[in-house]
Amino acid sequence: MNPDASNKAIRITTPEGVSFAIPLATPIRRLFAVLIDLLTISFITNLVMTAFVAIGVVFADFGIALYFLATFIINLGYFIYLEWKMKGKTLGKKVMGIRVMDADGLRLQFSQIVIRNLMRAIDQLPLLYLVGGTTSVLNRKRKRLGDLVANTIVVRQEKVREPEWDQLQTGKYNSFRKLPHLAARLRQMSSPDETELALQAILRREDFTPEDRIELFAFLATHFRGYRVYPEETEIGLTDEQYIRNLVEVLFQRDSKKDAGVA
């Protein structure tokens, strides 16, 4: 069974006017992801239940109430905590290569994660996510009720490929390469979609008109500078495009022994 059968993409335009296509997660991928998550939750719950058995022997009613409370917290907290800490992913989503993101391409907010997961109580009805599954099949953007209310979508995580370095390097010095610990921090803060967008902007820069090229790199530079990873002195004299070229190199090239870089 191909989990990407009937896969389709949607085009998102950011408030800054930058447009990009993202493949939606197929219902099959989402189903497998939730099954993995439910198995994980079941395993955690069984561990908790073992601990409550001893309590139930002495305080039967209290032990039962505590067990049901813990089960509710685990089921809800599992999704909320992991989707927040793992940038839209749970263990199941990570295995299946999908993640949750804001439907407008903005940064995913904690409130959105809470809302979409509170709606699981309805999406699961009457059994095996029938309401949520039916809604996502009928919806053009494959949104279940939780996604509709929270304004989120579930997308397929594209595997970031290694770029062809002859298209990136200019033989000039890259000051960012002298700060490898900051490069590691940048990789942690940047999502694969963000780094792939920066890479594609560099590789396809000749396809843009001069005006669009300036606007695109200004947007990307402003976005990545917002992470405040590199000190200002390392950016002196860099244009927006040069800044992104430097970032792309340190994001994708892991060999710190190479001294050649891009400006």
C-alpha atoms as a PDB file:
ATOM      1  CA  MET A   1       0.000   0.000   0.000  1.00  0.00           C
ATOM      2  CA  ASN A   2       1.419   3.370  -1.026  1.00  0.00           C
ATOM      3  CA  PRO A   3       0.922   5.902   1.812  1.00  0.00           C
ATOM      4  CA  ASP A   4       1.324   8.752  -0.676  1.00  0.00           C
ATOM      5  CA  ALA A   5      -1.359   7.631  -3.092  1.00  0.00           C
ATOM      6  CA  SER A   6      -3.565  10.525  -4.208  1.00  0.00           C
ATOM      7  CA  ASN A   7      -1.171  12.934  -2.563  1.00  0.00           C
ATOM      8  CA  LYS A   8      -1.669  16.588  -3.401  1.00  0.00           C
ATOM      9  CA  ALA A   9      -0.135  19.903  -2.478  1.00  0.00           C
ATOM     10  CA  ILE A  10      -1.524  23.266  -1.498  1.00  0.00           C
ATOM     11  CA  ARG A  11      -0.004  26.659  -2.203  1.00  0.00           C
ATOM     12  CA  ILE A  12       0.505  28.991   0.746  1.00  0.00           C
ATOM     13  CA  THR A  13       1.200  32.690   0.395  1.00  0.00           C
ATOM     14  CA  THR A  14       2.740  34.353   3.440  1.00  0.00           C
ATOM     15  CA  PRO A  15       1.722  37.873   4.546  1.00  0.00           C
ATOM     16  CA  GLU A  16       4.967  39.084   2.933  1.00  0.00           C
ATOM     17  CA  GLY A  17       3.801  37.751  -0.438  1.00  0.00           C
ATOM     18  CA  VAL A  18       6.124  34.731  -0.665  1.00  0.00           C
ATOM     19  CA  SER A  19       4.338  31.736  -2.180  1.00  0.00           C
ATOM     20  CA  PHE A  20       5.345  28.087  -1.860  1.00  0.00           C
ATOM     21  CA  ALA A  21       3.727  24.663  -2.325  1.00  0.00           C
ATOM     22  CA  ILE A  22       3.539  22.076   0.446  1.00  0.00           C
ATOM     23  CA  PRO A  23       2.347  18.464  -0.016  1.00  0.00           C
ATOM     24  CA  LEU A  24      -0.564  17.541   2.233  1.00  0.00           C
ATOM     25  CA  ALA A  25      -0.350  14.424   4.354  1.00  0.00           C
ATOM     26  CA  THR A  26      -2.497  11.652   2.930  1.00  0.00           C
ATOM     27  CA  PRO A  27      -5.261  10.076   5.048  1.00  0.00           C
ATOM     28  CA  ILE A  28      -3.274   6.804   5.059  1.00  0.00           C
ATOM     29  CA  ARG A  29      -0.186   8.469   6.521  1.00  0.00           C
ATOM     30  CA  ARG A  30      -2.307  10.221   9.123  1.00  0.00           C
ATOM     31  CA  LEU A  31      -4.052   6.966  10.025  1.00  0.00           C
ATOM     32  CA  PHE A  32      -0.779   5.090  10.509  1.00  0.00           C
ATOM     33  CA  ALA A  33       0.599   8.006  12.539  1.00  0.00           C
ATOM     34  CA  VAL A  34      -2.350   8.050  14.924  1.00  0.00           C
ATOM     35  CA  LEU A  35      -2.195   4.266  15.309  1.00  0.00           C
ATOM     36  CA  ILE A  36       1.463   4.524  16.345  1.00  0.00           C
ATOM     37  CA  ASP A  37       0.555   7.297  18.779  1.00  0.00           C
ATOM     38  CA  LEU A  38      -2.318   5.320  20.263  1.00  0.00           C
ATOM     39  CA  LEU A  39      -0.069   2.300  20.782  1.00  0.00           C
ATOM     40  CA  THR A  40       2.487   4.530  22.484  1.00  0.00           C
ATOM     41  CA  ILE A  41      -0.198   6.062  24.703  1.00  0.00           C
ATOM     42  CA  SER A  42      -1.491   2.593  25.554  1.00  0.00           C
ATOM     43  CA  PHE A  43       2.003   1.508  26.616  1.00  0.00           C
ATOM     44  CA  ILE A  44       2.429   4.585  28.828  1.00  0.00           C
ATOM     45  CA  THR A  45      -1.029   4.131  30.315  1.00  0.00           C
ATOM     46  CA  ASN A  46      -0.337   0.500  31.184  1.00  0.00           C
ATOM     47  CA  LEU A  47       2.788   1.541  33.041  1.00  0.00           C
ATOM     48  CA  VAL A  48       0.760   4.069  35.014  1.00  0.00           C
ATOM     49  CA  MET A  49      -1.966   1.512  35.689  1.00  0.00           C
ATOM     50  CA  THR A  50       0.611  -0.844  37.179  1.00  0.00           C
ATOM     51  CA  ALA A  51       1.597   1.862  39.623  1.00  0.00           C
ATOM     52  CA  PHE A  52      -2.054   2.493  40.560  1.00  0.00           C
ATOM     53  CA  VAL A  53      -2.833  -1.155  41.250  1.00  0.00           C
ATOM     54  CA  ALA A  54      -1.158  -0.926  44.627  1.00  0.00           C
ATOM     55  CA  ILE A  55      -3.117   2.242  45.444  1.00  0.00           C
ATOM     56  CA  GLY A  56      -6.363   0.578  44.391  1.00  0.00           C
ATOM     57  CA  VAL A  57      -5.800  -2.310  46.764  1.00  0.00           C
ATOM     58  CA  VAL A  58      -5.896   0.054  49.735  1.00  0.00           C
ATOM     59  CA  PHE A  59      -8.101   2.863  48.412  1.00  0.00           C
ATOM     60  CA  ALA A  60     -10.289   1.313  45.709  1.00  0.00           C
ATOM     61  CA  ASP A  61     -12.444   4.304  44.779  1.00  0.00           C
ATOM     62  CA  PHE A  62      -9.565   6.759  44.985  1.00  0.00           C
ATOM     63  CA  GLY A  63      -7.357   4.491  42.866  1.00  0.00           C
ATOM     64  CA  ILE A  64     -10.012   4.183  40.147  1.00  0.00           C
ATOM     65  CA  ALA A  65     -10.617   7.938  40.052  1.00  0.00           C
ATOM     66  CA  LEU A  66      -6.901   8.621  39.937  1.00  0.00           C
ATOM     67  CA  TYR A  67      -6.453   6.138  37.103  1.00  0.00           C
ATOM     68  CA  PHE A  68      -9.135   7.727  34.918  1.00  0.00           C
ATOM     69  CA  LEU A  69      -7.744  11.191  35.603  1.00  0.00           C
ATOM     70  CA  ALA A  70      -4.241  10.052  34.686  1.00  0.00           C
ATOM     71  CA  THR A  71      -5.553   8.390  31.505  1.00  0.00           C
ATOM     72  CA  PHE A  72      -7.225  11.644  30.418  1.00  0.00           C
ATOM     73  CA  ILE A  73      -4.102  13.683  31.115  1.00  0.00           C
ATOM     74  CA  ILE A  74      -1.848  11.228  29.269  1.00  0.00           C
ATOM     75  CA  ASN A  75      -4.097  11.056  26.198  1.00  0.00           C
ATOM     76  CA  LEU A  76      -4.420  14.823  25.902  1.00  0.00           C
ATOM     77  CA  GLY A  77      -0.984  15.784  27.197  1.00  0.00           C
ATOM     78  CA  TYR A  78       0.861  13.381  24.887  1.00  0.00           C
ATOM     79  CA  PHE A  79      -0.306  15.144  21.739  1.00  0.00           C
ATOM     80  CA  ILE A  80      -0.083  18.690  23.095  1.00  0.00           C
ATOM     81  CA  TYR A  81       3.367  18.311  24.628  1.00  0.00           C
ATOM     82  CA  LEU A  82       5.000  16.540  21.688  1.00  0.00           C
ATOM     83  CA  GLU A  83       3.436  18.704  18.988  1.00  0.00           C
ATOM     84  CA  TRP A  84       4.704  21.781  20.809  1.00  0.00           C
ATOM     85  CA  LYS A  85       8.187  20.492  21.638  1.00  0.00           C
ATOM     86  CA  MET A  86       8.722  18.683  18.321  1.00  0.00           C
ATOM     87  CA  LYS A  87       7.415  21.522  16.127  1.00  0.00           C
ATOM     88  CA  GLY A  88       4.150  19.939  15.057  1.00  0.00           C
ATOM     89  CA  LYS A  89       5.145  16.302  15.332  1.00  0.00           C
ATOM     90  CA  THR A  90       4.385  13.368  17.613  1.00  0.00           C
ATOM     91  CA  LEU A  91       6.203  10.028  17.580  1.00  0.00           C
ATOM     92  CA  GLY A  92       3.693   8.711  15.058  1.00  0.00           C
ATOM     93  CA  LYS A  93       3.948  11.777  12.856  1.00  0.00           C
ATOM     94  CA  LYS A  94       7.739  11.649  12.972  1.00  0.00           C
ATOM     95  CA  VAL A  95       7.769   8.015  11.871  1.00  0.00           C
ATOM     96  CA  MET A  96       5.330   8.727   9.042  1.00  0.00           C
ATOM     97  CA  GLY A  97       7.103  11.910   7.939  1.00  0.00           C
ATOM     98  CA  ILE A  98       4.256  14.360   8.581  1.00  0.00           C
ATOM     99  CA  ARG A  99       3.689  17.331  10.845  1.00  0.00           C
ATOM    100  CA  VAL A 100       1.146  19.972  11.856  1.00  0.00           C
ATOM    101  CA  MET A 101       1.583  23.560  10.700  1.00  0.00           C
ATOM    102  CA  ASP A 102      -0.397  26.792  10.599  1.00  0.00           C
ATOM    103  CA  ALA A 103      -2.702  26.827   7.568  1.00  0.00           C
ATOM    104  CA  ASP A 104      -1.475  30.306   6.560  1.00  0.00           C
ATOM    105  CA  GLY A 105       2.218  29.472   6.775  1.00  0.00           C
ATOM    106  CA  LEU A 106       2.731  31.387  10.024  1.00  0.00           C
ATOM    107  CA  ARG A 107       4.493  30.064  13.116  1.00  0.00           C
ATOM    108  CA  LEU A 108       2.441  27.370  14.828  1.00  0.00           C
ATOM    109  CA  GLN A 109       1.082  28.720  18.115  1.00  0.00           C
ATOM    110  CA  PHE A 110       0.656  26.789  21.342  1.00  0.00           C
ATOM    111  CA  SER A 111      -3.025  27.799  21.463  1.00  0.00           C
ATOM    112  CA  GLN A 112      -3.576  26.161  18.068  1.00  0.00           C
ATOM    113  CA  ILE A 113      -2.050  22.916  19.300  1.00  0.00           C
ATOM    114  CA  VAL A 114      -4.247  22.926  22.403  1.00  0.00           C
ATOM    115  CA  ILE A 115      -7.428  23.664  20.423  1.00  0.00           C
ATOM    116  CA  ARG A 116      -6.887  21.006  17.727  1.00  0.00           C
ATOM    117  CA  ASN A 117      -6.188  18.363  20.375  1.00  0.00           C
ATOM    118  CA  LEU A 118      -9.142  19.290  22.564  1.00  0.00           C
ATOM    119  CA  MET A 119     -11.274  18.657  19.473  1.00  0.00           C
ATOM    120  CA  ARG A 120     -10.034  15.068  19.327  1.00  0.00           C
ATOM    121  CA  ALA A 121     -12.865  14.144  21.680  1.00  0.00           C
ATOM    122  CA  ILE A 122     -15.283  14.936  18.843  1.00  0.00           C
ATOM    123  CA  ASP A 123     -13.095  13.781  15.951  1.00  0.00           C
ATOM    124  CA  GLN A 124     -12.800  10.324  17.533  1.00  0.00           C
ATOM    125  CA  LEU A 125     -16.580   9.799  17.560  1.00  0.00           C
ATOM    126  CA  PRO A 126     -18.231   7.409  17.278  1.00  0.00           C
ATOM    127  CA  LEU A 127     -15.221   5.109  16.842  1.00  0.00           C
ATOM    128  CA  LEU A 128     -11.758   5.134  15.264  1.00  0.00           C
ATOM    129  CA  TYR A 129     -11.813   8.833  14.292  1.00  0.00           C
ATOM    130  CA  LEU A 130     -14.843   8.370  12.029  1.00  0.00           C
ATOM    131  CA  VAL A 131     -15.971  11.998  12.358  1.00  0.00           C
ATOM    132  CA  GLY A 132     -12.467  13.400  11.889  1.00  0.00           C
ATOM    133  CA  GLY A 133     -11.621  11.010   9.073  1.00  0.00           C
ATOM    134  CA  THR A 134     -14.825  11.746   7.181  1.00  0.00           C
ATOM    135  CA  THR A 135     -14.302  15.489   7.589  1.00  0.00           C
ATOM    136  CA  SER A 136     -10.723  15.335   6.318  1.00  0.00           C
ATOM    137  CA  VAL A 137     -11.727  13.279   3.266  1.00  0.00           C
ATOM    138  CA  LEU A 138     -14.467  15.749   2.349  1.00  0.00           C
ATOM    139  CA  ASN A 139     -12.302  18.817   3.032  1.00  0.00           C
ATOM    140  CA  ARG A 140     -10.133  20.191   0.212  1.00  0.00           C
ATOM    141  CA  LYS A 141      -7.209  20.730   2.592  1.00  0.00           C
ATOM    142  CA  ARG A 142      -7.807  17.419   4.409  1.00  0.00           C
ATOM    143  CA  LYS A 143      -8.645  19.098   7.690  1.00  0.00           C
ATOM    144  CA  ARG A 144     -10.383  17.255  10.487  1.00  0.00           C
ATOM    145  CA  LEU A 145     -12.622  19.273  12.812  1.00  0.00           C
ATOM    146  CA  GLY A 146      -9.709  20.098  15.080  1.00  0.00           C
ATOM    147  CA  ASP A 147      -7.758  21.524  12.149  1.00  0.00           C
ATOM    148  CA  LEU A 148     -10.739  23.574  10.980  1.00  0.00           C
ATOM    149  CA  VAL A 149     -11.192  25.147  14.402  1.00  0.00           C
ATOM    150  CA  ALA A 150      -7.460  25.710  15.037  1.00  0.00           C
ATOM    151  CA  ASN A 151      -6.659  26.788  11.437  1.00  0.00           C
ATOM    152  CA  THR A 152      -4.005  24.118  11.030  1.00  0.00           C
ATOM    153  CA  ILE A 153      -3.104  21.595   8.349  1.00  0.00           C
ATOM    154  CA  VAL A 154      -1.108  18.371   8.376  1.00  0.00           C
ATOM    155  CA  VAL A 155       1.594  18.237   5.726  1.00  0.00           C
ATOM    156  CA  ARG A 156       4.093  15.703   4.493  1.00  0.00           C
ATOM    157  CA  GLN A 157       7.629  16.458   5.641  1.00  0.00           C
ATOM    158  CA  GLU A 158       9.823  16.595   2.581  1.00  0.00           C
ATOM    159  CA  LYS A 159      13.247  15.045   3.064  1.00  0.00           C
ATOM    160  CA  VAL A 160      15.850  17.782   2.749  1.00  0.00           C
ATOM    161  CA  ARG A 161      18.335  16.789   0.089  1.00  0.00           C
ATOM    162  CA  GLU A 162      22.014  17.597  -0.088  1.00  0.00           C
ATOM    163  CA  PRO A 163      22.512  20.482  -2.537  1.00  0.00           C
ATOM    164  CA  GLU A 164      24.978  20.574  -5.418  1.00  0.00           C
ATOM    165  CA  TRP A 165      27.759  22.715  -3.982  1.00  0.00           C
ATOM    166  CA  ASP A 166      29.007  24.022  -7.290  1.00  0.00           C
ATOM    167  CA  GLN A 167      25.744  25.965  -7.508  1.00  0.00           C
ATOM    168  CA  LEU A 168      26.323  27.596  -4.126  1.00  0.00           C
ATOM    169  CA  GLN A 169      29.985  28.290  -3.588  1.00  0.00           C
ATOM    170  CA  THR A 170      31.767  31.377  -4.862  1.00  0.00           C
ATOM    171  CA  GLY A 171      35.157  30.722  -3.260  1.00  0.00           C
ATOM    172  CA  LYS A 172      34.758  33.613  -0.853  1.00  0.00           C
ATOM    173  CA  TYR A 173      35.138  33.554   2.894  1.00  0.00           C
ATOM    174  CA  ASN A 174      32.059  32.679   4.956  1.00  0.00           C
ATOM    175  CA  SER A 175      32.317  34.132   8.470  1.00  0.00           C
ATOM    176  CA  PHE A 176      29.494  31.880   9.718  1.00  0.00           C
ATOM    177  CA  ARG A 177      31.654  28.772   9.275  1.00  0.00           C
ATOM    178  CA  LYS A 178      33.924  29.920  12.088  1.00  0.00           C
ATOM    179  CA  LEU A 179      31.037  29.539  14.532  1.00  0.00           C
ATOM    180  CA  PRO A 180      29.987  25.876  14.172  1.00  0.00           C
ATOM    181  CA  HIS A 181      28.211  25.818  17.523  1.00  0.00           C
ATOM    182  CA  LEU A 182      25.881  28.553  16.264  1.00  0.00           C
ATOM    183  CA  ALA A 183      25.281  26.610  13.070  1.00  0.00           C
ATOM    184  CA  ALA A 184      24.103  23.660  15.182  1.00  0.00           C
ATOM    185  CA  ARG A 185      21.767  25.982  17.074  1.00  0.00           C
ATOM    186  CA  LEU A 186      20.390  27.354  13.793  1.00  0.00           C
ATOM    187  CA  ARG A 187      19.656  23.818  12.586  1.00  0.00           C
ATOM    188  CA  GLN A 188      17.706  23.148  15.773  1.00  0.00           C
ATOM    189  CA  MET A 189      15.655  26.327  15.467  1.00  0.00           C
ATOM    190  CA  SER A 190      14.916  26.030  11.734  1.00  0.00           C
ATOM    191  CA  SER A 191      12.343  23.597  10.417  1.00  0.00           C
ATOM    192  CA  PRO A 192      13.126  21.449   7.335  1.00  0.00           C
ATOM    193  CA  ASP A 193      10.566  23.464   5.355  1.00  0.00           C
ATOM    194  CA  GLU A 194      12.337  26.719   6.203  1.00  0.00           C
ATOM    195  CA  THR A 195      15.777  25.416   5.256  1.00  0.00           C
ATOM    196  CA  GLU A 196      14.452  23.852   2.059  1.00  0.00           C
ATOM    197  CA  LEU A 197      12.815  27.163   1.105  1.00  0.00           C
ATOM    198  CA  ALA A 198      16.123  28.988   1.603  1.00  0.00           C
ATOM    199  CA  LEU A 199      17.955  26.360  -0.436  1.00  0.00           C
ATOM    200  CA  GLN A 200      15.486  26.530  -3.311  1.00  0.00           C
ATOM    201  CA  ALA A 201      15.690  30.326  -3.307  1.00  0.00           C
ATOM    202  CA  ILE A 202      19.461  30.087  -3.857  1.00  0.00           C
ATOM    203  CA  LEU A 203      19.284  27.331  -6.463  1.00  0.00           C
ATOM    204  CA  ARG A 204      16.507  29.074  -8.437  1.00  0.00           C
ATOM    205  CA  ARG A 205      17.583  32.672  -7.937  1.00  0.00           C
ATOM    206  CA  GLU A 206      18.179  33.199 -11.663  1.00  0.00           C
ATOM    207  CA  ASP A 207      14.535  32.326 -12.367  1.00  0.00           C
ATOM    208  CA  PHE A 208      13.258  35.424 -10.539  1.00  0.00           C
ATOM    209  CA  THR A 209      12.943  38.935 -11.865  1.00  0.00           C
ATOM    210  CA  PRO A 210      15.357  41.386 -10.178  1.00  0.00           C
ATOM    211  CA  GLU A 211      12.491  42.898  -8.172  1.00  0.00           C
ATOM    212  CA  ASP A 212      11.144  39.529  -7.011  1.00  0.00           C
ATOM    213  CA  ARG A 213      14.653  38.325  -6.223  1.00  0.00           C
ATOM    214  CA  ILE A 214      15.331  41.311  -3.957  1.00  0.00           C
ATOM    215  CA  GLU A 215      11.940  40.936  -2.249  1.00  0.00           C
ATOM    216  CA  LEU A 216      12.346  37.191  -1.710  1.00  0.00           C
ATOM    217  CA  PHE A 217      15.798  37.391  -0.137  1.00  0.00           C
ATOM    218  CA  ALA A 218      14.770  40.388   1.980  1.00  0.00           C
ATOM    219  CA  PHE A 219      11.901  38.314   3.384  1.00  0.00           C
ATOM    220  CA  LEU A 220      14.108  35.255   4.028  1.00  0.00           C
ATOM    221  CA  ALA A 221      16.894  37.303   5.607  1.00  0.00           C
ATOM    222  CA  THR A 222      14.438  39.078   7.915  1.00  0.00           C
ATOM    223  CA  HIS A 223      12.921  35.735   8.909  1.00  0.00           C
ATOM    224  CA  PHE A 224      16.224  34.026   9.761  1.00  0.00           C
ATOM    225  CA  ARG A 225      17.673  37.111  11.431  1.00  0.00           C
ATOM    226  CA  GLY A 226      14.667  36.945  13.742  1.00  0.00           C
ATOM    227  CA  TYR A 227      16.233  33.854  15.323  1.00  0.00           C
ATOM    228  CA  ARG A 228      19.159  36.078  16.446  1.00  0.00           C
ATOM    229  CA  VAL A 229      21.654  33.240  16.094  1.00  0.00           C
ATOM    230  CA  TYR A 230      24.651  35.062  14.619  1.00  0.00           C
ATOM    231  CA  PRO A 231      26.143  38.237  16.143  1.00  0.00           C
ATOM    232  CA  GLU A 232      25.751  41.431  14.130  1.00  0.00           C
ATOM    233  CA  GLU A 233      29.483  41.768  13.473  1.00  0.00           C
ATOM    234  CA  THR A 234      29.432  38.594  11.349  1.00  0.00           C
ATOM    235  CA  GLU A 235      26.792  40.142   9.082  1.00  0.00           C
ATOM    236  CA  ILE A 236      28.583  43.409   8.320  1.00  0.00           C
ATOM    237  CA  GLY A 237      28.699  44.084   4.584  1.00  0.00           C
ATOM    238  CA  LEU A 238      26.402  41.206   3.647  1.00  0.00           C
ATOM    239  CA  THR A 239      23.465  41.762   1.336  1.00  0.00           C
ATOM    240  CA  ASP A 240      20.276  39.830   2.059  1.00  0.00           C
ATOM    241  CA  GLU A 241      21.094  37.317  -0.671  1.00  0.00           C
ATOM    242  CA  GLN A 242      24.658  36.845   0.557  1.00  0.00           C
ATOM    243  CA  TYR A 243      23.345  36.366   4.067  1.00  0.00           C
ATOM    244  CA  ILE A 244      21.040  33.556   2.926  1.00  0.00           C
ATOM    245  CA  ARG A 245      23.839  31.961   0.876  1.00  0.00           C
ATOM    246  CA  ASN A 246      25.983  31.844   4.003  1.00  0.00           C
ATOM    247  CA  LEU A 247      23.150  30.317   6.015  1.00  0.00           C
ATOM    248  CA  VAL A 248      22.423  27.685   3.375  1.00  0.00           C
ATOM    249  CA  GLU A 249      26.038  26.592   3.403  1.00  0.00           C
ATOM    250  CA  VAL A 250      26.243  26.143   7.186  1.00  0.00           C
ATOM    251  CA  LEU A 251      22.786  24.528   7.310  1.00  0.00           C
ATOM    252  CA  PHE A 252      23.613  21.871   4.735  1.00  0.00           C
ATOM    253  CA  GLN A 253      27.378  21.434   4.712  1.00  0.00           C
ATOM    254  CA  ARG A 254      28.539  19.640   7.856  1.00  0.00           C
ATOM    255  CA  ASP A 255      32.264  19.331   7.015  1.00  0.00           C
ATOM    256  CA  SER A 256      33.930  21.961   9.188  1.00  0.00           C
ATOM    257  CA  LYS A 257      37.386  21.188   7.756  1.00  0.00           C
ATOM    258  CA  LYS A 258      36.597  23.018   4.529  1.00  0.00           C
ATOM    259  CA  ASP A 259      37.618  26.639   4.537  1.00  0.00           C
ATOM    260  CA  ALA A 260      36.098  27.748   1.276  1.00  0.00           C
ATOM    261  CA  GLY A 261      32.670  29.301   1.554  1.00  0.00           C
ATOM    262  CA  VAL A 262      30.360  31.939   0.218  1.00  0.00           C
ATOM    263  CA  ALA A 263      30.166  35.568   1.171  1.00  0.00           C
END
